[in-house]
Amino acid sequence: MKKLFLSITAIALLIFLSLGCVTKQIWTDKTKATPYQERIISFYSNEQSKEILFIGEQYHYIFNKETQALMALLKSKGLLNLSDKNINVYASIDRQDNRKAQAHIMIHMKKSELNAQQIQWLEKNNFSIIQADPYYGTEHRYQANEQVPNVTIYTKEYHIEGRRYIANQEVNKQVIKLKKPLTIEVIEFSKSDEKSTLYKIAMTPLSVTADAGLIVIGTGVAIIYAPFALTYIVIDKIKGK
């Protein structure tokens, strides 16, 4: 196996072990990991509260911890020319509290495809440099004894945390949708014992106002449709629209 595959596999394993505090206790307290497929139909952000929202068909995920660095990346999508080949998303629900959500966004970009300004931005924003398999992320199949030169990759992982809510389908009808929804696997946990600390998931705080298409969070909070539109454009670009 090539170096990047081994590196990414090791990182993914560490991510999985960290998601929801996954430890040996899982096997002793009757906790079971049960992944599900979530179809993300829209992305939004709120500049003022530093929130990033994943609007899914089943749930809404509102992230408000450690989001600032990721928002800076999304703002620079034009400069970096981000596309779907540069991003991998891993998500999970907290093992003890099923209202809490976590997501890991991994960015990787080949140095050979970057200009000086892009490299300067990545280095300024603490991207790491690794030597990698040039065919990572593709369906390329190696031939026997094939010699593949390593390439230099800039990479960084973003970890964000927040809460999960049951989706309001009326809201889902109003949001600005991605042309191609993004399907991600979300790992959640269930317990078979009667002392489970899992909580009932609340309905989303998002609601459709009397003004067509405008979305607010909670009661008495200012409309944040305009900042949302910024991230919609960003993610739409990332997915190659």
C-alpha atoms as a PDB file:
ATOM      1  CA  MET A   1       0.000   0.000   0.000  1.00  0.00           C
ATOM      2  CA  LYS A   2       1.174   3.495  -0.641  1.00  0.00           C
ATOM      3  CA  LYS A   3       2.136   6.016   2.036  1.00  0.00           C
ATOM      4  CA  LEU A   4      -0.904   8.248   1.723  1.00  0.00           C
ATOM      5  CA  PHE A   5      -3.307   5.333   1.986  1.00  0.00           C
ATOM      6  CA  LEU A   6      -1.570   4.204   5.151  1.00  0.00           C
ATOM      7  CA  SER A   7      -1.551   7.750   6.517  1.00  0.00           C
ATOM      8  CA  ILE A   8      -5.231   8.343   5.764  1.00  0.00           C
ATOM      9  CA  THR A   9      -6.168   4.912   7.123  1.00  0.00           C
ATOM     10  CA  ALA A  10      -4.342   5.667  10.364  1.00  0.00           C
ATOM     11  CA  ILE A  11      -5.995   9.085  10.620  1.00  0.00           C
ATOM     12  CA  ALA A  12      -9.439   7.624   9.878  1.00  0.00           C
ATOM     13  CA  LEU A  13      -8.897   4.961  12.554  1.00  0.00           C
ATOM     14  CA  LEU A  14      -7.938   7.595  15.100  1.00  0.00           C
ATOM     15  CA  ILE A  15     -10.986   9.650  14.106  1.00  0.00           C
ATOM     16  CA  PHE A  16     -13.286   6.659  14.518  1.00  0.00           C
ATOM     17  CA  LEU A  17     -11.815   5.836  17.911  1.00  0.00           C
ATOM     18  CA  SER A  18     -12.341   9.435  19.020  1.00  0.00           C
ATOM     19  CA  LEU A  19     -15.883   9.830  17.700  1.00  0.00           C
ATOM     20  CA  GLY A  20     -18.271   9.800  20.623  1.00  0.00           C
ATOM     21  CA  CYS A  21     -15.471   8.746  22.998  1.00  0.00           C
ATOM     22  CA  VAL A  22     -15.299   5.261  21.491  1.00  0.00           C
ATOM     23  CA  THR A  23     -13.208   3.107  23.863  1.00  0.00           C
ATOM     24  CA  LYS A  24     -13.181  -0.414  25.222  1.00  0.00           C
ATOM     25  CA  GLN A  25     -16.108   0.659  27.380  1.00  0.00           C
ATOM     26  CA  ILE A  26     -18.317   0.253  24.294  1.00  0.00           C
ATOM     27  CA  TRP A  27     -17.937  -3.468  24.599  1.00  0.00           C
ATOM     28  CA  THR A  28     -18.603  -3.562  28.350  1.00  0.00           C
ATOM     29  CA  ASP A  29     -21.610  -1.256  28.666  1.00  0.00           C
ATOM     30  CA  LYS A  30     -23.629  -2.847  25.833  1.00  0.00           C
ATOM     31  CA  THR A  31     -23.197   0.122  23.508  1.00  0.00           C
ATOM     32  CA  LYS A  32     -23.540  -0.642  19.798  1.00  0.00           C
ATOM     33  CA  ALA A  33     -22.342   1.483  16.897  1.00  0.00           C
ATOM     34  CA  THR A  34     -25.077   1.769  14.269  1.00  0.00           C
ATOM     35  CA  PRO A  35     -24.146   3.953  11.281  1.00  0.00           C
ATOM     36  CA  TYR A  36     -26.839   5.503   9.100  1.00  0.00           C
ATOM     37  CA  GLN A  37     -26.816   7.329   5.784  1.00  0.00           C
ATOM     38  CA  GLU A  38     -27.705  11.021   5.898  1.00  0.00           C
ATOM     39  CA  ARG A  39     -28.514  12.917   2.716  1.00  0.00           C
ATOM     40  CA  ILE A  40     -27.341  16.506   3.141  1.00  0.00           C
ATOM     41  CA  ILE A  41     -29.431  18.786   0.950  1.00  0.00           C
ATOM     42  CA  SER A  42     -28.100  22.189   2.015  1.00  0.00           C
ATOM     43  CA  PHE A  43     -25.365  23.974   3.977  1.00  0.00           C
ATOM     44  CA  TYR A  44     -25.632  27.263   5.828  1.00  0.00           C
ATOM     45  CA  SER A  45     -23.543  29.398   8.161  1.00  0.00           C
ATOM     46  CA  ASN A  46     -24.116  32.270  10.568  1.00  0.00           C
ATOM     47  CA  GLU A  47     -21.167  34.670  10.677  1.00  0.00           C
ATOM     48  CA  GLN A  48     -22.196  36.338  13.925  1.00  0.00           C
ATOM     49  CA  SER A  49     -22.701  33.212  16.011  1.00  0.00           C
ATOM     50  CA  LYS A  50     -19.996  31.224  14.158  1.00  0.00           C
ATOM     51  CA  GLU A  51     -22.449  28.429  13.391  1.00  0.00           C
ATOM     52  CA  ILE A  52     -22.318  25.994  10.488  1.00  0.00           C
ATOM     53  CA  LEU A  53     -25.481  24.061   9.626  1.00  0.00           C
ATOM     54  CA  PHE A  54     -25.799  20.781   7.769  1.00  0.00           C
ATOM     55  CA  ILE A  55     -29.412  20.462   6.576  1.00  0.00           C
ATOM     56  CA  GLY A  56     -30.162  16.764   6.211  1.00  0.00           C
ATOM     57  CA  GLU A  57     -33.299  14.953   5.136  1.00  0.00           C
ATOM     58  CA  GLN A  58     -33.555  13.201   8.521  1.00  0.00           C
ATOM     59  CA  TYR A  59     -31.806  15.650  10.851  1.00  0.00           C
ATOM     60  CA  HIS A  60     -30.423  19.161  11.087  1.00  0.00           C
ATOM     61  CA  TYR A  61     -26.898  19.461  12.493  1.00  0.00           C
ATOM     62  CA  ILE A  62     -25.990  22.830  14.015  1.00  0.00           C
ATOM     63  CA  PHE A  63     -22.268  23.119  14.774  1.00  0.00           C
ATOM     64  CA  ASN A  64     -21.053  25.951  17.002  1.00  0.00           C
ATOM     65  CA  LYS A  65     -17.728  24.728  18.422  1.00  0.00           C
ATOM     66  CA  GLU A  66     -14.370  25.057  16.634  1.00  0.00           C
ATOM     67  CA  THR A  67     -16.088  26.350  13.490  1.00  0.00           C
ATOM     68  CA  GLN A  68     -14.128  29.560  12.923  1.00  0.00           C
ATOM     69  CA  ALA A  69     -11.184  27.956  11.124  1.00  0.00           C
ATOM     70  CA  LEU A  70     -13.488  25.998   8.828  1.00  0.00           C
ATOM     71  CA  MET A  71     -15.476  29.126   8.015  1.00  0.00           C
ATOM     72  CA  ALA A  72     -12.206  30.848   7.069  1.00  0.00           C
ATOM     73  CA  LEU A  73     -11.467  27.974   4.694  1.00  0.00           C
ATOM     74  CA  LEU A  74     -14.918  28.191   3.111  1.00  0.00           C
ATOM     75  CA  LYS A  75     -14.542  31.937   2.630  1.00  0.00           C
ATOM     76  CA  SER A  76     -11.349  31.272   0.671  1.00  0.00           C
ATOM     77  CA  LYS A  77     -12.899  28.610  -1.600  1.00  0.00           C
ATOM     78  CA  GLY A  78     -12.445  30.816  -4.657  1.00  0.00           C
ATOM     79  CA  LEU A  79      -8.776  31.468  -3.960  1.00  0.00           C
ATOM     80  CA  LEU A  80      -8.100  27.778  -3.269  1.00  0.00           C
ATOM     81  CA  ASN A  81     -10.351  26.482  -6.060  1.00  0.00           C
ATOM     82  CA  LEU A  82     -11.771  23.805  -3.760  1.00  0.00           C
ATOM     83  CA  SER A  83     -13.628  20.880  -5.311  1.00  0.00           C
ATOM     84  CA  ASP A  84     -15.179  17.637  -4.096  1.00  0.00           C
ATOM     85  CA  LYS A  85     -11.909  15.791  -4.730  1.00  0.00           C
ATOM     86  CA  ASN A  86     -10.287  17.839  -1.938  1.00  0.00           C
ATOM     87  CA  ILE A  87     -12.717  17.053   0.878  1.00  0.00           C
ATOM     88  CA  ASN A  88     -13.721  14.045   3.003  1.00  0.00           C
ATOM     89  CA  VAL A  89     -16.350  14.226   5.750  1.00  0.00           C
ATOM     90  CA  TYR A  90     -16.687  11.888   8.759  1.00  0.00           C
ATOM     91  CA  ALA A  91     -19.515  12.378  11.246  1.00  0.00           C
ATOM     92  CA  SER A  92     -20.759  10.796  14.467  1.00  0.00           C
ATOM     93  CA  ILE A  93     -23.195  11.194  17.325  1.00  0.00           C
ATOM     94  CA  ASP A  94     -21.946  11.296  20.916  1.00  0.00           C
ATOM     95  CA  ARG A  95     -21.936   7.897  22.609  1.00  0.00           C
ATOM     96  CA  GLN A  96     -23.495   9.204  25.839  1.00  0.00           C
ATOM     97  CA  ASP A  97     -25.780  11.935  24.483  1.00  0.00           C
ATOM     98  CA  ASN A  98     -27.453  11.384  21.115  1.00  0.00           C
ATOM     99  CA  ARG A  99     -28.296  15.079  20.835  1.00  0.00           C
ATOM    100  CA  LYS A 100     -24.613  15.953  20.357  1.00  0.00           C
ATOM    101  CA  ALA A 101     -22.985  15.715  16.933  1.00  0.00           C
ATOM    102  CA  GLN A 102     -19.390  15.829  15.733  1.00  0.00           C
ATOM    103  CA  ALA A 103     -17.908  16.128  12.263  1.00  0.00           C
ATOM    104  CA  HIS A 104     -14.397  15.808  10.918  1.00  0.00           C
ATOM    105  CA  ILE A 105     -13.643  17.502   7.605  1.00  0.00           C
ATOM    106  CA  MET A 106     -10.362  16.466   5.997  1.00  0.00           C
ATOM    107  CA  ILE A 107      -8.856  18.652   3.272  1.00  0.00           C
ATOM    108  CA  HIS A 108      -6.043  17.462   0.992  1.00  0.00           C
ATOM    109  CA  MET A 109      -4.547  19.357  -1.975  1.00  0.00           C
ATOM    110  CA  LYS A 110      -1.685  18.440  -4.307  1.00  0.00           C
ATOM    111  CA  LYS A 111       1.159  20.961  -4.258  1.00  0.00           C
ATOM    112  CA  SER A 112       1.690  20.500  -8.007  1.00  0.00           C
ATOM    113  CA  GLU A 113      -1.819  21.874  -8.632  1.00  0.00           C
ATOM    114  CA  LEU A 114      -1.354  24.982  -6.471  1.00  0.00           C
ATOM    115  CA  ASN A 115      -0.022  28.429  -7.270  1.00  0.00           C
ATOM    116  CA  ALA A 116       2.196  30.536  -4.999  1.00  0.00           C
ATOM    117  CA  GLN A 117      -0.736  32.470  -3.511  1.00  0.00           C
ATOM    118  CA  GLN A 118      -2.616  29.281  -2.652  1.00  0.00           C
ATOM    119  CA  ILE A 119       0.459  27.713  -1.055  1.00  0.00           C
ATOM    120  CA  GLN A 120       1.007  30.863   0.986  1.00  0.00           C
ATOM    121  CA  TRP A 121      -2.590  30.681   2.297  1.00  0.00           C
ATOM    122  CA  LEU A 122      -2.309  26.987   3.207  1.00  0.00           C
ATOM    123  CA  GLU A 123       0.980  27.462   5.036  1.00  0.00           C
ATOM    124  CA  LYS A 124      -0.332  30.533   6.857  1.00  0.00           C
ATOM    125  CA  ASN A 125      -3.341  28.482   7.988  1.00  0.00           C
ATOM    126  CA  ASN A 126      -1.237  25.632   9.394  1.00  0.00           C
ATOM    127  CA  PHE A 127      -1.724  22.951   6.751  1.00  0.00           C
ATOM    128  CA  SER A 128       0.613  19.989   7.115  1.00  0.00           C
ATOM    129  CA  ILE A 129       2.767  18.618   4.284  1.00  0.00           C
ATOM    130  CA  ILE A 130       2.911  14.881   3.587  1.00  0.00           C
ATOM    131  CA  GLN A 131       4.348  12.700   0.830  1.00  0.00           C
ATOM    132  CA  ALA A 132       1.498  10.836  -0.809  1.00  0.00           C
ATOM    133  CA  ASP A 133       0.219   8.500  -3.476  1.00  0.00           C
ATOM    134  CA  PRO A 134      -0.720  10.650  -6.524  1.00  0.00           C
ATOM    135  CA  TYR A 135      -3.730   8.424  -7.248  1.00  0.00           C
ATOM    136  CA  TYR A 136      -5.251   8.725  -3.772  1.00  0.00           C
ATOM    137  CA  GLY A 137      -9.003   9.338  -3.983  1.00  0.00           C
ATOM    138  CA  THR A 138      -9.353   7.865  -7.477  1.00  0.00           C
ATOM    139  CA  GLU A 139     -10.315   4.466  -8.846  1.00  0.00           C
ATOM    140  CA  HIS A 140      -6.849   3.884 -10.264  1.00  0.00           C
ATOM    141  CA  ARG A 141      -5.715   0.247 -10.034  1.00  0.00           C
ATOM    142  CA  TYR A 142      -2.035  -0.528  -9.719  1.00  0.00           C
ATOM    143  CA  GLN A 143      -0.319  -3.021 -11.973  1.00  0.00           C
ATOM    144  CA  ALA A 144       2.033  -5.627 -10.572  1.00  0.00           C
ATOM    145  CA  ASN A 145       5.365  -4.059  -9.584  1.00  0.00           C
ATOM    146  CA  GLU A 146       4.168  -0.629 -10.727  1.00  0.00           C
ATOM    147  CA  GLN A 147       6.442   2.145  -9.512  1.00  0.00           C
ATOM    148  CA  VAL A 148       4.439   5.222  -8.487  1.00  0.00           C
ATOM    149  CA  PRO A 149       6.312   8.375  -7.453  1.00  0.00           C
ATOM    150  CA  ASN A 150       5.103  10.170  -4.336  1.00  0.00           C
ATOM    151  CA  VAL A 151       3.674  13.675  -4.581  1.00  0.00           C
ATOM    152  CA  THR A 152       3.563  16.453  -2.008  1.00  0.00           C
ATOM    153  CA  ILE A 153       0.152  16.999  -0.386  1.00  0.00           C
ATOM    154  CA  TYR A 154      -1.068  19.844   1.816  1.00  0.00           C
ATOM    155  CA  THR A 155      -3.576  18.499   4.331  1.00  0.00           C
ATOM    156  CA  LYS A 156      -5.538  19.611   7.370  1.00  0.00           C
ATOM    157  CA  GLU A 157      -8.337  18.199   9.528  1.00  0.00           C
ATOM    158  CA  TYR A 158     -11.140  20.336  10.943  1.00  0.00           C
ATOM    159  CA  HIS A 159     -13.100  19.039  13.925  1.00  0.00           C
ATOM    160  CA  ILE A 160     -16.418  20.737  14.741  1.00  0.00           C
ATOM    161  CA  GLU A 161     -19.048  19.969  17.361  1.00  0.00           C
ATOM    162  CA  GLY A 162     -22.675  20.867  17.877  1.00  0.00           C
ATOM    163  CA  ARG A 163     -26.144  19.376  18.209  1.00  0.00           C
ATOM    164  CA  ARG A 164     -28.470  17.215  16.162  1.00  0.00           C
ATOM    165  CA  TYR A 165     -32.185  17.933  15.701  1.00  0.00           C
ATOM    166  CA  ILE A 166     -35.060  16.161  13.974  1.00  0.00           C
ATOM    167  CA  ALA A 167     -35.583  17.871  10.628  1.00  0.00           C
ATOM    168  CA  ASN A 168     -38.626  20.013   9.935  1.00  0.00           C
ATOM    169  CA  GLN A 169     -39.769  19.069   6.445  1.00  0.00           C
ATOM    170  CA  GLU A 170     -41.375  22.485   5.915  1.00  0.00           C
ATOM    171  CA  VAL A 171     -37.972  24.070   6.497  1.00  0.00           C
ATOM    172  CA  ASN A 172     -36.350  21.534   4.176  1.00  0.00           C
ATOM    173  CA  LYS A 173     -38.733  22.588   1.413  1.00  0.00           C
ATOM    174  CA  GLN A 174     -37.670  26.234   1.813  1.00  0.00           C
ATOM    175  CA  VAL A 175     -33.876  25.985   2.013  1.00  0.00           C
ATOM    176  CA  ILE A 176     -31.686  26.628  -1.003  1.00  0.00           C
ATOM    177  CA  LYS A 177     -30.654  23.142  -2.059  1.00  0.00           C
ATOM    178  CA  LEU A 178     -27.436  21.755  -3.453  1.00  0.00           C
ATOM    179  CA  LYS A 179     -27.750  20.640  -7.052  1.00  0.00           C
ATOM    180  CA  LYS A 180     -26.311  17.284  -6.001  1.00  0.00           C
ATOM    181  CA  PRO A 181     -27.081  16.297  -2.383  1.00  0.00           C
ATOM    182  CA  LEU A 182     -24.138  14.948  -0.394  1.00  0.00           C
ATOM    183  CA  THR A 183     -24.634  11.556   1.252  1.00  0.00           C
ATOM    184  CA  ILE A 184     -22.510  10.961   4.349  1.00  0.00           C
ATOM    185  CA  GLU A 185     -22.367   8.119   6.834  1.00  0.00           C
ATOM    186  CA  VAL A 186     -23.085   9.151  10.423  1.00  0.00           C
ATOM    187  CA  ILE A 187     -22.085   6.833  13.253  1.00  0.00           C
ATOM    188  CA  GLU A 188     -24.472   6.796  16.190  1.00  0.00           C
ATOM    189  CA  PHE A 189     -24.680   4.586  19.268  1.00  0.00           C
ATOM    190  CA  SER A 190     -27.452   2.713  21.024  1.00  0.00           C
ATOM    191  CA  LYS A 191     -27.584   1.011  24.413  1.00  0.00           C
ATOM    192  CA  SER A 192     -29.456  -2.097  25.404  1.00  0.00           C
ATOM    193  CA  ASP A 193     -29.446  -1.478  29.164  1.00  0.00           C
ATOM    194  CA  GLU A 194     -32.179   0.373  31.066  1.00  0.00           C
ATOM    195  CA  LYS A 195     -29.756   2.981  32.437  1.00  0.00           C
ATOM    196  CA  SER A 196     -28.957   4.442  29.051  1.00  0.00           C
ATOM    197  CA  THR A 197     -27.947   8.111  29.164  1.00  0.00           C
ATOM    198  CA  LEU A 198     -29.179   8.762  25.634  1.00  0.00           C
ATOM    199  CA  TYR A 199     -31.661  11.624  25.417  1.00  0.00           C
ATOM    200  CA  LYS A 200     -34.719  12.383  23.314  1.00  0.00           C
ATOM    201  CA  ILE A 201     -33.761  14.355  20.224  1.00  0.00           C
ATOM    202  CA  ALA A 202     -35.493  17.738  19.962  1.00  0.00           C
ATOM    203  CA  MET A 203     -37.153  19.179  16.884  1.00  0.00           C
ATOM    204  CA  THR A 204     -35.010  21.580  14.894  1.00  0.00           C
ATOM    205  CA  PRO A 205     -34.976  25.221  16.124  1.00  0.00           C
ATOM    206  CA  LEU A 206     -35.126  26.324  12.479  1.00  0.00           C
ATOM    207  CA  SER A 207     -38.495  27.639  11.330  1.00  0.00           C
ATOM    208  CA  VAL A 208     -39.902  29.249   8.224  1.00  0.00           C
ATOM    209  CA  THR A 209     -41.037  32.830   8.771  1.00  0.00           C
ATOM    210  CA  ALA A 210     -43.879  34.690   7.122  1.00  0.00           C
ATOM    211  CA  ASP A 211     -41.338  36.123   4.673  1.00  0.00           C
ATOM    212  CA  ALA A 212     -40.822  33.571   1.923  1.00  0.00           C
ATOM    213  CA  GLY A 213     -37.601  31.643   2.249  1.00  0.00           C
ATOM    214  CA  LEU A 214     -36.276  33.386   5.352  1.00  0.00           C
ATOM    215  CA  ILE A 215     -35.004  31.203   8.162  1.00  0.00           C
ATOM    216  CA  VAL A 216     -34.473  32.089  11.822  1.00  0.00           C
ATOM    217  CA  ILE A 217     -32.981  30.206  14.757  1.00  0.00           C
ATOM    218  CA  GLY A 218     -35.173  30.215  17.855  1.00  0.00           C
ATOM    219  CA  THR A 219     -37.402  32.978  19.165  1.00  0.00           C
ATOM    220  CA  GLY A 220     -36.249  36.580  19.015  1.00  0.00           C
ATOM    221  CA  VAL A 221     -33.099  35.877  17.003  1.00  0.00           C
ATOM    222  CA  ALA A 222     -32.360  38.014  13.977  1.00  0.00           C
ATOM    223  CA  ILE A 223     -32.904  36.615  10.525  1.00  0.00           C
ATOM    224  CA  ILE A 224     -29.668  35.103   9.243  1.00  0.00           C
ATOM    225  CA  TYR A 225     -30.603  34.210   5.703  1.00  0.00           C
ATOM    226  CA  ALA A 226     -27.970  36.462   4.099  1.00  0.00           C
ATOM    227  CA  PRO A 227     -24.931  34.955   5.902  1.00  0.00           C
ATOM    228  CA  PHE A 228     -26.371  31.531   5.142  1.00  0.00           C
ATOM    229  CA  ALA A 229     -26.352  32.253   1.438  1.00  0.00           C
ATOM    230  CA  LEU A 230     -22.581  32.758   1.574  1.00  0.00           C
ATOM    231  CA  THR A 231     -21.904  29.225   2.701  1.00  0.00           C
ATOM    232  CA  TYR A 232     -24.475  27.807   0.324  1.00  0.00           C
ATOM    233  CA  ILE A 233     -22.441  29.245  -2.531  1.00  0.00           C
ATOM    234  CA  VAL A 234     -19.233  27.933  -0.988  1.00  0.00           C
ATOM    235  CA  ILE A 235     -20.418  24.325  -0.592  1.00  0.00           C
ATOM    236  CA  ASP A 236     -22.133  24.370  -3.969  1.00  0.00           C
ATOM    237  CA  LYS A 237     -18.769  25.265  -5.499  1.00  0.00           C
ATOM    238  CA  ILE A 238     -17.015  22.531  -3.541  1.00  0.00           C
ATOM    239  CA  LYS A 239     -19.375  19.935  -5.003  1.00  0.00           C
ATOM    240  CA  GLY A 240     -18.346  20.962  -8.491  1.00  0.00           C
ATOM    241  CA  LYS A 241     -21.400  23.008  -9.487  1.00  0.00           C
END
